[in-house]
Amino acid sequence: MRTGAKSDMTSQVTSLARLRSRLADIPVLVALLTFAFLFLLFSIASENFLTLISLTNILTIASIKGIFVIGVAMLMITGEFDLSVGSILAVAAFVFAITLESGMAPLLALTLALVISGILGFINGQIVTRTGIPSFIATLGTLLAYRGIARGIGGGNFARFTGERPFLFSVLNGDLGFINELAFPAGNARVSVIWFALFALIAAIIMARSRYGSWVYATGGNREAARSQGVRTNRVIVTNYVITGLLAGFAGLVSFASRPSVDPLRGEGWELIAVTAAVIGGIWLKGGFGTIMGAAIGIVLLQMVEQGLILIGVDVQLFQGTIGFILIAAVILGTYLTKQ
């Protein structure tokens, strides 16, 4: 009996170890299972959760944040952080608003805002690679500095575009009427969902099938080994910071296009959401592992949690605390799954 019981226990331990190994190899599966569980939970807890307006709200709001989460995810796979993305988003939106209001052509205003966003990302990359300051500290500093730039550009006030709505606004974040009119009350699907899906798909292909994607994983996995194999790790890091800056800026323009006004606090706190989404999606904090699609699922999951909490009557002010607990749980789970 003792031998049989011991054998059963050994078998259970072995099965658990195999399951842990498989989940560690496919981190996006954990995000998918969590998403499915919470989706079912909120569907049961609130009769309004499965309505078109609720579901499209989740996708639309998540898509704006998700655009720059893609850049944050690539950067985290490299083993670096960018806490300034929310501030870059605000700077881009202010530049776009003020130049449009001054009479600049919409496409030129968009280009200028994106160029400035890329430059801010480039500055982040240069600070990190040239000084050796940990990216968490470096971008914490630029978070404050760039937010100060946004406040300075706007004079501490809102910036608005009061002219005739240009066609570019519809391209950036127009209404998807063919989806919204499928039910009553009408939904809130916007073009940002398409941009998010497009950027996520492109980034996923780059990371999975290109040489550059291999360089990103190598840089995050073992930087010294990557350098010995000829990978220009500093260039990879700086490039990812520029990509992150560009995507943060584009997210700011998409946000502005749906509501043509911006305040100095636009995007504040979104850096926490971006990091949490990436971790939930299976990206290691130390770098070298994870997927873009996992991070994309992570941001939709977080937005679903916010929407679900509102619908079941939980104070929305508790959402940030909920994010903190989710982040801690995701890190603990990730550490357990990858523990040898």
C-alpha atoms as a PDB file:
ATOM      1  CA  MET A   1       0.000   0.000   0.000  1.00  0.00           C
ATOM      2  CA  ARG A   2       2.771   2.375   0.910  1.00  0.00           C
ATOM      3  CA  THR A   3       4.587   1.584  -2.336  1.00  0.00           C
ATOM      4  CA  GLY A   4       1.387   2.183  -4.353  1.00  0.00           C
ATOM      5  CA  ALA A   5       0.637   5.461  -2.585  1.00  0.00           C
ATOM      6  CA  LYS A   6       4.198   6.633  -3.141  1.00  0.00           C
ATOM      7  CA  SER A   7       3.946   5.710  -6.802  1.00  0.00           C
ATOM      8  CA  ASP A   8       0.681   7.650  -7.184  1.00  0.00           C
ATOM      9  CA  MET A   9       2.187  10.694  -5.515  1.00  0.00           C
ATOM     10  CA  THR A  10       5.249  10.528  -7.768  1.00  0.00           C
ATOM     11  CA  SER A  11       2.985  10.279 -10.800  1.00  0.00           C
ATOM     12  CA  GLN A  12       1.000  13.330  -9.680  1.00  0.00           C
ATOM     13  CA  VAL A  13       4.161  15.355  -9.112  1.00  0.00           C
ATOM     14  CA  THR A  14       5.462  14.328 -12.531  1.00  0.00           C
ATOM     15  CA  SER A  15       2.172  15.307 -14.195  1.00  0.00           C
ATOM     16  CA  LEU A  16       2.202  18.679 -12.432  1.00  0.00           C
ATOM     17  CA  ALA A  17       5.779  19.275 -13.550  1.00  0.00           C
ATOM     18  CA  ARG A  18       4.848  18.456 -17.148  1.00  0.00           C
ATOM     19  CA  LEU A  19       1.871  20.812 -17.022  1.00  0.00           C
ATOM     20  CA  ARG A  20       4.024  23.578 -15.585  1.00  0.00           C
ATOM     21  CA  SER A  21       6.620  23.021 -18.302  1.00  0.00           C
ATOM     22  CA  ARG A  22       4.002  23.184 -21.057  1.00  0.00           C
ATOM     23  CA  LEU A  23       2.439  26.347 -19.662  1.00  0.00           C
ATOM     24  CA  ALA A  24       5.902  27.911 -19.384  1.00  0.00           C
ATOM     25  CA  ASP A  25       6.592  27.047 -23.028  1.00  0.00           C
ATOM     26  CA  ILE A  26       3.272  28.542 -24.148  1.00  0.00           C
ATOM     27  CA  PRO A  27       2.747  31.570 -21.856  1.00  0.00           C
ATOM     28  CA  VAL A  28      -0.004  32.976 -24.065  1.00  0.00           C
ATOM     29  CA  LEU A  29      -2.098  29.947 -23.086  1.00  0.00           C
ATOM     30  CA  VAL A  30      -2.225  31.157 -19.481  1.00  0.00           C
ATOM     31  CA  ALA A  31      -3.457  34.563 -20.677  1.00  0.00           C
ATOM     32  CA  LEU A  32      -6.099  32.909 -22.853  1.00  0.00           C
ATOM     33  CA  LEU A  33      -7.336  30.695 -20.019  1.00  0.00           C
ATOM     34  CA  THR A  34      -7.492  33.677 -17.661  1.00  0.00           C
ATOM     35  CA  PHE A  35      -9.332  35.691 -20.297  1.00  0.00           C
ATOM     36  CA  ALA A  36     -11.879  32.904 -20.838  1.00  0.00           C
ATOM     37  CA  PHE A  37     -12.465  32.508 -17.084  1.00  0.00           C
ATOM     38  CA  LEU A  38     -13.016  36.227 -16.489  1.00  0.00           C
ATOM     39  CA  PHE A  39     -15.186  36.550 -19.592  1.00  0.00           C
ATOM     40  CA  LEU A  40     -17.425  33.765 -18.289  1.00  0.00           C
ATOM     41  CA  LEU A  41     -17.451  35.266 -14.789  1.00  0.00           C
ATOM     42  CA  PHE A  42     -18.545  38.739 -15.939  1.00  0.00           C
ATOM     43  CA  SER A  43     -21.057  37.249 -18.388  1.00  0.00           C
ATOM     44  CA  ILE A  44     -22.774  35.524 -15.474  1.00  0.00           C
ATOM     45  CA  ALA A  45     -22.393  38.404 -13.002  1.00  0.00           C
ATOM     46  CA  SER A  46     -23.803  41.130 -15.277  1.00  0.00           C
ATOM     47  CA  GLU A  47     -26.647  40.851 -17.757  1.00  0.00           C
ATOM     48  CA  ASN A  48     -25.295  43.872 -19.675  1.00  0.00           C
ATOM     49  CA  PHE A  49     -21.792  42.494 -20.209  1.00  0.00           C
ATOM     50  CA  LEU A  50     -22.596  40.586 -23.412  1.00  0.00           C
ATOM     51  CA  THR A  51     -24.260  43.554 -25.126  1.00  0.00           C
ATOM     52  CA  LEU A  52     -22.750  45.079 -28.263  1.00  0.00           C
ATOM     53  CA  ILE A  53     -22.109  48.421 -26.573  1.00  0.00           C
ATOM     54  CA  SER A  54     -20.212  46.738 -23.731  1.00  0.00           C
ATOM     55  CA  LEU A  55     -18.070  44.483 -25.903  1.00  0.00           C
ATOM     56  CA  THR A  56     -17.211  47.209 -28.424  1.00  0.00           C
ATOM     57  CA  ASN A  57     -16.332  49.581 -25.574  1.00  0.00           C
ATOM     58  CA  ILE A  58     -13.842  47.018 -24.303  1.00  0.00           C
ATOM     59  CA  LEU A  59     -12.229  46.577 -27.714  1.00  0.00           C
ATOM     60  CA  THR A  60     -12.152  50.280 -28.594  1.00  0.00           C
ATOM     61  CA  ILE A  61     -10.629  51.505 -25.341  1.00  0.00           C
ATOM     62  CA  ALA A  62      -8.208  48.567 -25.196  1.00  0.00           C
ATOM     63  CA  SER A  63      -7.113  49.186 -28.787  1.00  0.00           C
ATOM     64  CA  ILE A  64      -5.873  52.736 -28.113  1.00  0.00           C
ATOM     65  CA  LYS A  65      -3.784  51.537 -25.182  1.00  0.00           C
ATOM     66  CA  GLY A  66      -2.888  48.379 -27.064  1.00  0.00           C
ATOM     67  CA  ILE A  67      -1.211  50.306 -29.880  1.00  0.00           C
ATOM     68  CA  PHE A  68       1.637  51.391 -27.596  1.00  0.00           C
ATOM     69  CA  VAL A  69       1.527  48.193 -25.525  1.00  0.00           C
ATOM     70  CA  ILE A  70       2.942  46.517 -28.651  1.00  0.00           C
ATOM     71  CA  GLY A  71       6.026  48.734 -28.449  1.00  0.00           C
ATOM     72  CA  VAL A  72       6.337  48.264 -24.690  1.00  0.00           C
ATOM     73  CA  ALA A  73       6.144  44.479 -25.198  1.00  0.00           C
ATOM     74  CA  MET A  74       8.957  44.494 -27.783  1.00  0.00           C
ATOM     75  CA  LEU A  75      11.056  46.619 -25.441  1.00  0.00           C
ATOM     76  CA  MET A  76      10.431  44.328 -22.476  1.00  0.00           C
ATOM     77  CA  ILE A  77      11.456  41.305 -24.534  1.00  0.00           C
ATOM     78  CA  THR A  78      14.701  43.210 -25.112  1.00  0.00           C
ATOM     79  CA  GLY A  79      15.052  43.400 -21.340  1.00  0.00           C
ATOM     80  CA  GLU A  80      14.227  47.115 -21.007  1.00  0.00           C
ATOM     81  CA  PHE A  81      11.334  49.272 -19.791  1.00  0.00           C
ATOM     82  CA  ASP A  82       9.743  52.528 -20.926  1.00  0.00           C
ATOM     83  CA  LEU A  83       7.726  54.305 -18.272  1.00  0.00           C
ATOM     84  CA  SER A  84       7.448  57.473 -20.371  1.00  0.00           C
ATOM     85  CA  VAL A  85       4.973  56.180 -22.973  1.00  0.00           C
ATOM     86  CA  GLY A  86       1.996  57.970 -21.428  1.00  0.00           C
ATOM     87  CA  SER A  87       3.898  61.254 -21.444  1.00  0.00           C
ATOM     88  CA  ILE A  88       5.010  60.778 -25.071  1.00  0.00           C
ATOM     89  CA  LEU A  89       1.370  60.111 -25.967  1.00  0.00           C
ATOM     90  CA  ALA A  90       0.392  63.430 -24.379  1.00  0.00           C
ATOM     91  CA  VAL A  91       3.166  65.364 -26.151  1.00  0.00           C
ATOM     92  CA  ALA A  92       2.139  63.954 -29.529  1.00  0.00           C
ATOM     93  CA  ALA A  93      -1.529  64.784 -28.942  1.00  0.00           C
ATOM     94  CA  PHE A  94      -0.691  68.358 -27.911  1.00  0.00           C
ATOM     95  CA  VAL A  95       1.570  68.918 -30.926  1.00  0.00           C
ATOM     96  CA  PHE A  96      -1.125  67.521 -33.218  1.00  0.00           C
ATOM     97  CA  ALA A  97      -3.853  69.686 -31.662  1.00  0.00           C
ATOM     98  CA  ILE A  98      -1.920  72.944 -31.639  1.00  0.00           C
ATOM     99  CA  THR A  99      -0.520  72.603 -35.161  1.00  0.00           C
ATOM    100  CA  LEU A 100      -3.941  71.700 -36.554  1.00  0.00           C
ATOM    101  CA  GLU A 101      -5.530  74.663 -34.781  1.00  0.00           C
ATOM    102  CA  SER A 102      -2.838  76.956 -36.211  1.00  0.00           C
ATOM    103  CA  GLY A 103      -3.835  75.935 -39.735  1.00  0.00           C
ATOM    104  CA  MET A 104      -1.193  73.328 -40.590  1.00  0.00           C
ATOM    105  CA  ALA A 105      -2.239  70.640 -43.074  1.00  0.00           C
ATOM    106  CA  PRO A 106      -3.522  67.567 -41.182  1.00  0.00           C
ATOM    107  CA  LEU A 107      -1.053  65.120 -42.740  1.00  0.00           C
ATOM    108  CA  LEU A 108       1.871  67.445 -42.030  1.00  0.00           C
ATOM    109  CA  ALA A 109       0.692  67.917 -38.435  1.00  0.00           C
ATOM    110  CA  LEU A 110       0.492  64.132 -38.032  1.00  0.00           C
ATOM    111  CA  THR A 111       4.000  63.689 -39.446  1.00  0.00           C
ATOM    112  CA  LEU A 112       5.443  66.346 -37.134  1.00  0.00           C
ATOM    113  CA  ALA A 113       3.817  64.764 -34.067  1.00  0.00           C
ATOM    114  CA  LEU A 114       5.162  61.324 -34.971  1.00  0.00           C
ATOM    115  CA  VAL A 115       8.666  62.654 -35.680  1.00  0.00           C
ATOM    116  CA  ILE A 116       8.735  64.284 -32.242  1.00  0.00           C
ATOM    117  CA  SER A 117       7.471  61.042 -30.668  1.00  0.00           C
ATOM    118  CA  GLY A 118      10.235  59.082 -32.383  1.00  0.00           C
ATOM    119  CA  ILE A 119      12.833  61.617 -31.201  1.00  0.00           C
ATOM    120  CA  LEU A 120      11.643  61.297 -27.597  1.00  0.00           C
ATOM    121  CA  GLY A 121      11.935  57.517 -27.892  1.00  0.00           C
ATOM    122  CA  PHE A 122      15.404  57.912 -29.395  1.00  0.00           C
ATOM    123  CA  ILE A 123      16.447  60.089 -26.443  1.00  0.00           C
ATOM    124  CA  ASN A 124      15.291  57.348 -24.061  1.00  0.00           C
ATOM    125  CA  GLY A 125      17.357  54.781 -25.929  1.00  0.00           C
ATOM    126  CA  GLN A 126      20.457  56.957 -25.941  1.00  0.00           C
ATOM    127  CA  ILE A 127      20.210  57.635 -22.218  1.00  0.00           C
ATOM    128  CA  VAL A 128      19.884  53.929 -21.421  1.00  0.00           C
ATOM    129  CA  THR A 129      22.611  52.649 -23.756  1.00  0.00           C
ATOM    130  CA  ARG A 130      25.171  55.425 -23.283  1.00  0.00           C
ATOM    131  CA  THR A 131      24.936  55.987 -19.524  1.00  0.00           C
ATOM    132  CA  GLY A 132      24.180  52.467 -18.319  1.00  0.00           C
ATOM    133  CA  ILE A 133      21.404  53.821 -16.090  1.00  0.00           C
ATOM    134  CA  PRO A 134      18.731  51.146 -15.553  1.00  0.00           C
ATOM    135  CA  SER A 135      15.885  51.803 -17.974  1.00  0.00           C
ATOM    136  CA  PHE A 136      13.343  51.803 -15.151  1.00  0.00           C
ATOM    137  CA  ILE A 137      15.083  54.816 -13.552  1.00  0.00           C
ATOM    138  CA  ALA A 138      15.984  56.526 -16.819  1.00  0.00           C
ATOM    139  CA  THR A 139      12.457  56.461 -18.200  1.00  0.00           C
ATOM    140  CA  LEU A 140      10.984  57.372 -14.825  1.00  0.00           C
ATOM    141  CA  GLY A 141      12.966  60.577 -15.234  1.00  0.00           C
ATOM    142  CA  THR A 142      11.832  61.145 -18.808  1.00  0.00           C
ATOM    143  CA  LEU A 143       8.245  60.369 -17.776  1.00  0.00           C
ATOM    144  CA  LEU A 144       8.383  63.508 -15.627  1.00  0.00           C
ATOM    145  CA  ALA A 145      10.394  65.510 -18.158  1.00  0.00           C
ATOM    146  CA  TYR A 146       8.130  64.709 -21.104  1.00  0.00           C
ATOM    147  CA  ARG A 147       5.026  65.343 -19.036  1.00  0.00           C
ATOM    148  CA  GLY A 148       6.525  68.754 -18.290  1.00  0.00           C
ATOM    149  CA  ILE A 149       6.937  69.306 -22.042  1.00  0.00           C
ATOM    150  CA  ALA A 150       3.271  68.452 -22.579  1.00  0.00           C
ATOM    151  CA  ARG A 151       2.254  70.890 -19.864  1.00  0.00           C
ATOM    152  CA  GLY A 152       4.532  73.554 -21.345  1.00  0.00           C
ATOM    153  CA  ILE A 153       3.186  73.130 -24.876  1.00  0.00           C
ATOM    154  CA  GLY A 154      -0.392  73.378 -23.659  1.00  0.00           C
ATOM    155  CA  GLY A 155       0.281  76.071 -21.092  1.00  0.00           C
ATOM    156  CA  GLY A 156      -1.218  73.750 -18.476  1.00  0.00           C
ATOM    157  CA  ASN A 157      -4.606  73.904 -20.186  1.00  0.00           C
ATOM    158  CA  PHE A 158      -6.652  71.852 -22.624  1.00  0.00           C
ATOM    159  CA  ALA A 159      -5.807  72.074 -26.309  1.00  0.00           C
ATOM    160  CA  ARG A 160      -8.675  71.779 -28.777  1.00  0.00           C
ATOM    161  CA  PHE A 161      -9.207  71.673 -32.506  1.00  0.00           C
ATOM    162  CA  THR A 162     -12.212  73.826 -33.361  1.00  0.00           C
ATOM    163  CA  GLY A 163     -12.043  73.718 -37.145  1.00  0.00           C
ATOM    164  CA  GLU A 164     -13.903  71.527 -39.583  1.00  0.00           C
ATOM    165  CA  ARG A 165     -13.243  67.846 -38.908  1.00  0.00           C
ATOM    166  CA  PRO A 166     -10.677  66.610 -41.488  1.00  0.00           C
ATOM    167  CA  PHE A 167     -10.976  63.254 -43.247  1.00  0.00           C
ATOM    168  CA  LEU A 168      -7.761  62.186 -41.504  1.00  0.00           C
ATOM    169  CA  PHE A 169      -9.711  61.937 -38.236  1.00  0.00           C
ATOM    170  CA  SER A 170     -11.938  59.279 -39.760  1.00  0.00           C
ATOM    171  CA  VAL A 171      -8.888  57.343 -40.975  1.00  0.00           C
ATOM    172  CA  LEU A 172      -7.291  57.514 -37.543  1.00  0.00           C
ATOM    173  CA  ASN A 173     -10.329  56.663 -35.441  1.00  0.00           C
ATOM    174  CA  GLY A 174     -13.599  56.951 -37.305  1.00  0.00           C
ATOM    175  CA  ASP A 175     -16.813  55.203 -36.385  1.00  0.00           C
ATOM    176  CA  LEU A 176     -17.302  51.622 -37.654  1.00  0.00           C
ATOM    177  CA  GLY A 177     -20.992  52.030 -38.356  1.00  0.00           C
ATOM    178  CA  PHE A 178     -21.438  48.662 -40.062  1.00  0.00           C
ATOM    179  CA  ILE A 179     -20.584  47.000 -36.731  1.00  0.00           C
ATOM    180  CA  ASN A 180     -22.200  49.490 -34.382  1.00  0.00           C
ATOM    181  CA  GLU A 181     -25.590  49.237 -36.066  1.00  0.00           C
ATOM    182  CA  LEU A 182     -25.840  45.476 -35.662  1.00  0.00           C
ATOM    183  CA  ALA A 183     -27.768  45.825 -32.400  1.00  0.00           C
ATOM    184  CA  PHE A 184     -29.580  48.280 -30.161  1.00  0.00           C
ATOM    185  CA  PRO A 185     -28.264  50.128 -28.289  1.00  0.00           C
ATOM    186  CA  ALA A 186     -25.638  50.796 -30.939  1.00  0.00           C
ATOM    187  CA  GLY A 187     -22.055  49.756 -30.370  1.00  0.00           C
ATOM    188  CA  ASN A 188     -18.926  51.890 -30.071  1.00  0.00           C
ATOM    189  CA  ALA A 189     -16.467  50.147 -32.402  1.00  0.00           C
ATOM    190  CA  ARG A 190     -13.939  52.511 -33.958  1.00  0.00           C
ATOM    191  CA  VAL A 191     -11.074  52.330 -36.446  1.00  0.00           C
ATOM    192  CA  SER A 192      -8.551  52.142 -33.590  1.00  0.00           C
ATOM    193  CA  VAL A 193      -9.471  48.444 -33.294  1.00  0.00           C
ATOM    194  CA  ILE A 194      -8.250  47.891 -36.861  1.00  0.00           C
ATOM    195  CA  TRP A 195      -5.027  49.825 -36.243  1.00  0.00           C
ATOM    196  CA  PHE A 196      -4.378  47.792 -33.095  1.00  0.00           C
ATOM    197  CA  ALA A 197      -4.945  44.478 -34.868  1.00  0.00           C
ATOM    198  CA  LEU A 198      -2.772  45.557 -37.804  1.00  0.00           C
ATOM    199  CA  PHE A 199       0.157  46.703 -35.668  1.00  0.00           C
ATOM    200  CA  ALA A 200      -0.081  43.603 -33.459  1.00  0.00           C
ATOM    201  CA  LEU A 201      -0.035  41.328 -36.510  1.00  0.00           C
ATOM    202  CA  ILE A 202       2.932  43.114 -38.102  1.00  0.00           C
ATOM    203  CA  ALA A 203       4.906  43.103 -34.849  1.00  0.00           C
ATOM    204  CA  ALA A 204       4.106  39.424 -34.220  1.00  0.00           C
ATOM    205  CA  ILE A 205       5.359  38.482 -37.682  1.00  0.00           C
ATOM    206  CA  ILE A 206       8.523  40.537 -37.239  1.00  0.00           C
ATOM    207  CA  MET A 207       9.241  38.953 -33.866  1.00  0.00           C
ATOM    208  CA  ALA A 208       8.532  35.390 -35.007  1.00  0.00           C
ATOM    209  CA  ARG A 209       9.883  35.318 -38.549  1.00  0.00           C
ATOM    210  CA  SER A 210      12.516  38.015 -39.049  1.00  0.00           C
ATOM    211  CA  ARG A 211      16.194  38.332 -38.214  1.00  0.00           C
ATOM    212  CA  TYR A 212      15.424  41.469 -36.257  1.00  0.00           C
ATOM    213  CA  GLY A 213      12.989  39.543 -34.067  1.00  0.00           C
ATOM    214  CA  SER A 214      15.726  37.007 -33.329  1.00  0.00           C
ATOM    215  CA  TRP A 215      18.050  39.860 -32.389  1.00  0.00           C
ATOM    216  CA  VAL A 216      15.438  41.225 -29.969  1.00  0.00           C
ATOM    217  CA  TYR A 217      15.046  37.869 -28.215  1.00  0.00           C
ATOM    218  CA  ALA A 218      18.829  37.355 -28.154  1.00  0.00           C
ATOM    219  CA  THR A 219      19.408  40.812 -26.672  1.00  0.00           C
ATOM    220  CA  GLY A 220      16.905  40.167 -23.906  1.00  0.00           C
ATOM    221  CA  GLY A 221      17.945  36.588 -23.286  1.00  0.00           C
ATOM    222  CA  ASN A 222      21.706  36.957 -22.973  1.00  0.00           C
ATOM    223  CA  ARG A 223      23.154  40.291 -24.019  1.00  0.00           C
ATOM    224  CA  GLU A 224      26.795  39.316 -23.816  1.00  0.00           C
ATOM    225  CA  ALA A 225      26.237  36.135 -25.824  1.00  0.00           C
ATOM    226  CA  ALA A 226      24.278  38.135 -28.403  1.00  0.00           C
ATOM    227  CA  ARG A 227      27.152  40.591 -28.760  1.00  0.00           C
ATOM    228  CA  SER A 228      29.612  37.762 -29.207  1.00  0.00           C
ATOM    229  CA  GLN A 229      27.462  36.536 -32.104  1.00  0.00           C
ATOM    230  CA  GLY A 230      27.625  39.926 -33.784  1.00  0.00           C
ATOM    231  CA  VAL A 231      24.275  41.357 -32.653  1.00  0.00           C
ATOM    232  CA  ARG A 232      24.479  45.111 -32.184  1.00  0.00           C
ATOM    233  CA  THR A 233      22.506  45.058 -28.969  1.00  0.00           C
ATOM    234  CA  ASN A 234      22.627  48.799 -28.318  1.00  0.00           C
ATOM    235  CA  ARG A 235      21.247  49.468 -31.779  1.00  0.00           C
ATOM    236  CA  VAL A 236      18.443  46.965 -31.162  1.00  0.00           C
ATOM    237  CA  ILE A 237      17.588  48.634 -27.855  1.00  0.00           C
ATOM    238  CA  VAL A 238      17.565  52.145 -29.337  1.00  0.00           C
ATOM    239  CA  THR A 239      15.471  50.966 -32.298  1.00  0.00           C
ATOM    240  CA  ASN A 240      12.900  49.461 -29.952  1.00  0.00           C
ATOM    241  CA  TYR A 241      12.748  52.690 -27.965  1.00  0.00           C
ATOM    242  CA  VAL A 242      12.095  54.611 -31.190  1.00  0.00           C
ATOM    243  CA  ILE A 243       9.363  52.119 -32.172  1.00  0.00           C
ATOM    244  CA  THR A 244       7.808  52.448 -28.725  1.00  0.00           C
ATOM    245  CA  GLY A 245       7.882  56.248 -28.976  1.00  0.00           C
ATOM    246  CA  LEU A 246       6.287  56.186 -32.431  1.00  0.00           C
ATOM    247  CA  LEU A 247       3.510  53.839 -31.331  1.00  0.00           C
ATOM    248  CA  ALA A 248       2.856  55.898 -28.192  1.00  0.00           C
ATOM    249  CA  GLY A 249       2.636  59.018 -30.341  1.00  0.00           C
ATOM    250  CA  PHE A 250       0.313  57.334 -32.807  1.00  0.00           C
ATOM    251  CA  ALA A 251      -1.914  56.201 -29.939  1.00  0.00           C
ATOM    252  CA  GLY A 252      -2.099  59.846 -28.842  1.00  0.00           C
ATOM    253  CA  LEU A 253      -3.198  60.930 -32.328  1.00  0.00           C
ATOM    254  CA  VAL A 254      -5.801  58.145 -32.503  1.00  0.00           C
ATOM    255  CA  SER A 255      -7.141  59.183 -29.098  1.00  0.00           C
ATOM    256  CA  PHE A 256      -7.309  62.831 -30.159  1.00  0.00           C
ATOM    257  CA  ALA A 257      -9.072  62.009 -33.433  1.00  0.00           C
ATOM    258  CA  SER A 258     -12.112  60.574 -31.669  1.00  0.00           C
ATOM    259  CA  ARG A 259     -12.394  63.541 -29.281  1.00  0.00           C
ATOM    260  CA  PRO A 260     -10.456  66.550 -30.640  1.00  0.00           C
ATOM    261  CA  SER A 261      -9.250  67.897 -27.296  1.00  0.00           C
ATOM    262  CA  VAL A 262      -6.363  66.941 -25.022  1.00  0.00           C
ATOM    263  CA  ASP A 263      -5.468  67.734 -21.423  1.00  0.00           C
ATOM    264  CA  PRO A 264      -2.022  67.703 -19.734  1.00  0.00           C
ATOM    265  CA  LEU A 265      -2.839  64.430 -17.931  1.00  0.00           C
ATOM    266  CA  ARG A 266      -3.682  62.452 -21.071  1.00  0.00           C
ATOM    267  CA  GLY A 267      -2.130  58.972 -20.809  1.00  0.00           C
ATOM    268  CA  GLU A 268      -1.083  59.372 -17.165  1.00  0.00           C
ATOM    269  CA  GLY A 269      -0.766  55.975 -15.479  1.00  0.00           C
ATOM    270  CA  TRP A 270      -1.011  54.069 -18.747  1.00  0.00           C
ATOM    271  CA  GLU A 271       2.593  52.927 -18.424  1.00  0.00           C
ATOM    272  CA  LEU A 272       1.532  50.717 -15.483  1.00  0.00           C
ATOM    273  CA  ILE A 273      -1.264  49.260 -17.585  1.00  0.00           C
ATOM    274  CA  ALA A 274       1.152  48.577 -20.454  1.00  0.00           C
ATOM    275  CA  VAL A 275       3.649  46.724 -18.262  1.00  0.00           C
ATOM    276  CA  THR A 276       0.863  44.743 -16.583  1.00  0.00           C
ATOM    277  CA  ALA A 277      -0.620  43.757 -19.951  1.00  0.00           C
ATOM    278  CA  ALA A 278       2.768  42.534 -21.154  1.00  0.00           C
ATOM    279  CA  VAL A 279       3.394  40.505 -17.991  1.00  0.00           C
ATOM    280  CA  ILE A 280      -0.099  38.986 -18.097  1.00  0.00           C
ATOM    281  CA  GLY A 281       0.627  38.021 -21.694  1.00  0.00           C
ATOM    282  CA  GLY A 282       3.655  36.002 -20.611  1.00  0.00           C
ATOM    283  CA  ILE A 283       6.540  38.417 -21.186  1.00  0.00           C
ATOM    284  CA  TRP A 284       9.316  37.975 -18.637  1.00  0.00           C
ATOM    285  CA  LEU A 285      10.369  41.032 -16.672  1.00  0.00           C
ATOM    286  CA  LYS A 286      14.006  40.045 -17.197  1.00  0.00           C
ATOM    287  CA  GLY A 287      13.516  39.872 -20.983  1.00  0.00           C
ATOM    288  CA  GLY A 288      14.188  37.278 -23.653  1.00  0.00           C
ATOM    289  CA  PHE A 289      10.783  35.577 -23.633  1.00  0.00           C
ATOM    290  CA  GLY A 290       7.166  36.299 -24.521  1.00  0.00           C
ATOM    291  CA  THR A 291       4.968  37.153 -27.494  1.00  0.00           C
ATOM    292  CA  ILE A 292       3.273  40.203 -28.937  1.00  0.00           C
ATOM    293  CA  MET A 293      -0.049  38.375 -29.146  1.00  0.00           C
ATOM    294  CA  GLY A 294       0.197  37.561 -25.453  1.00  0.00           C
ATOM    295  CA  ALA A 295       0.580  41.258 -24.632  1.00  0.00           C
ATOM    296  CA  ALA A 296      -2.348  42.083 -26.953  1.00  0.00           C
ATOM    297  CA  ILE A 297      -4.538  39.607 -25.085  1.00  0.00           C
ATOM    298  CA  GLY A 298      -3.292  41.102 -21.818  1.00  0.00           C
ATOM    299  CA  ILE A 299      -4.476  44.639 -22.605  1.00  0.00           C
ATOM    300  CA  VAL A 300      -7.909  43.434 -23.762  1.00  0.00           C
ATOM    301  CA  LEU A 301      -8.153  41.357 -20.577  1.00  0.00           C
ATOM    302  CA  LEU A 302      -7.374  44.395 -18.408  1.00  0.00           C
ATOM    303  CA  GLN A 303      -9.958  46.519 -20.190  1.00  0.00           C
ATOM    304  CA  MET A 304     -12.485  43.720 -19.796  1.00  0.00           C
ATOM    305  CA  VAL A 305     -11.786  43.709 -16.051  1.00  0.00           C
ATOM    306  CA  GLU A 306     -12.408  47.460 -15.857  1.00  0.00           C
ATOM    307  CA  GLN A 307     -15.636  47.216 -17.851  1.00  0.00           C
ATOM    308  CA  GLY A 308     -16.790  44.191 -15.862  1.00  0.00           C
ATOM    309  CA  LEU A 309     -16.138  45.867 -12.513  1.00  0.00           C
ATOM    310  CA  ILE A 310     -18.158  48.891 -13.587  1.00  0.00           C
ATOM    311  CA  LEU A 311     -21.083  46.750 -14.721  1.00  0.00           C
ATOM    312  CA  ILE A 312     -21.246  44.787 -11.480  1.00  0.00           C
ATOM    313  CA  GLY A 313     -21.232  48.011  -9.467  1.00  0.00           C
ATOM    314  CA  VAL A 314     -17.639  48.144  -8.199  1.00  0.00           C
ATOM    315  CA  ASP A 315     -16.207  51.666  -7.786  1.00  0.00           C
ATOM    316  CA  VAL A 316     -14.039  52.422 -10.841  1.00  0.00           C
ATOM    317  CA  GLN A 317     -11.500  54.038  -8.496  1.00  0.00           C
ATOM    318  CA  LEU A 318     -10.610  50.532  -7.316  1.00  0.00           C
ATOM    319  CA  PHE A 319      -9.476  49.527 -10.810  1.00  0.00           C
ATOM    320  CA  GLN A 320      -5.890  50.702 -10.337  1.00  0.00           C
ATOM    321  CA  GLY A 321      -5.648  48.666  -7.146  1.00  0.00           C
ATOM    322  CA  THR A 322      -7.011  45.686  -9.045  1.00  0.00           C
ATOM    323  CA  ILE A 323      -4.298  46.145 -11.689  1.00  0.00           C
ATOM    324  CA  GLY A 324      -1.681  46.053  -8.936  1.00  0.00           C
ATOM    325  CA  PHE A 325      -2.967  42.755  -7.589  1.00  0.00           C
ATOM    326  CA  ILE A 326      -3.204  41.298 -11.102  1.00  0.00           C
ATOM    327  CA  LEU A 327       0.408  42.335 -11.795  1.00  0.00           C
ATOM    328  CA  ILE A 328       1.655  40.694  -8.591  1.00  0.00           C
ATOM    329  CA  ALA A 329      -0.315  37.510  -9.347  1.00  0.00           C
ATOM    330  CA  ALA A 330       1.009  37.419 -12.923  1.00  0.00           C
ATOM    331  CA  VAL A 331       4.625  37.819 -11.771  1.00  0.00           C
ATOM    332  CA  ILE A 332       4.217  35.102  -9.114  1.00  0.00           C
ATOM    333  CA  LEU A 333       2.657  32.745 -11.649  1.00  0.00           C
ATOM    334  CA  GLY A 334       5.339  33.501 -14.230  1.00  0.00           C
ATOM    335  CA  THR A 335       8.092  32.895 -11.680  1.00  0.00           C
ATOM    336  CA  TYR A 336       6.512  29.588 -10.662  1.00  0.00           C
ATOM    337  CA  LEU A 337       6.115  28.362 -14.238  1.00  0.00           C
ATOM    338  CA  THR A 338       9.684  29.188 -15.195  1.00  0.00           C
ATOM    339  CA  LYS A 339      11.308  27.960 -11.998  1.00  0.00           C
ATOM    340  CA  GLN A 340      13.642  25.066 -12.698  1.00  0.00           C
END
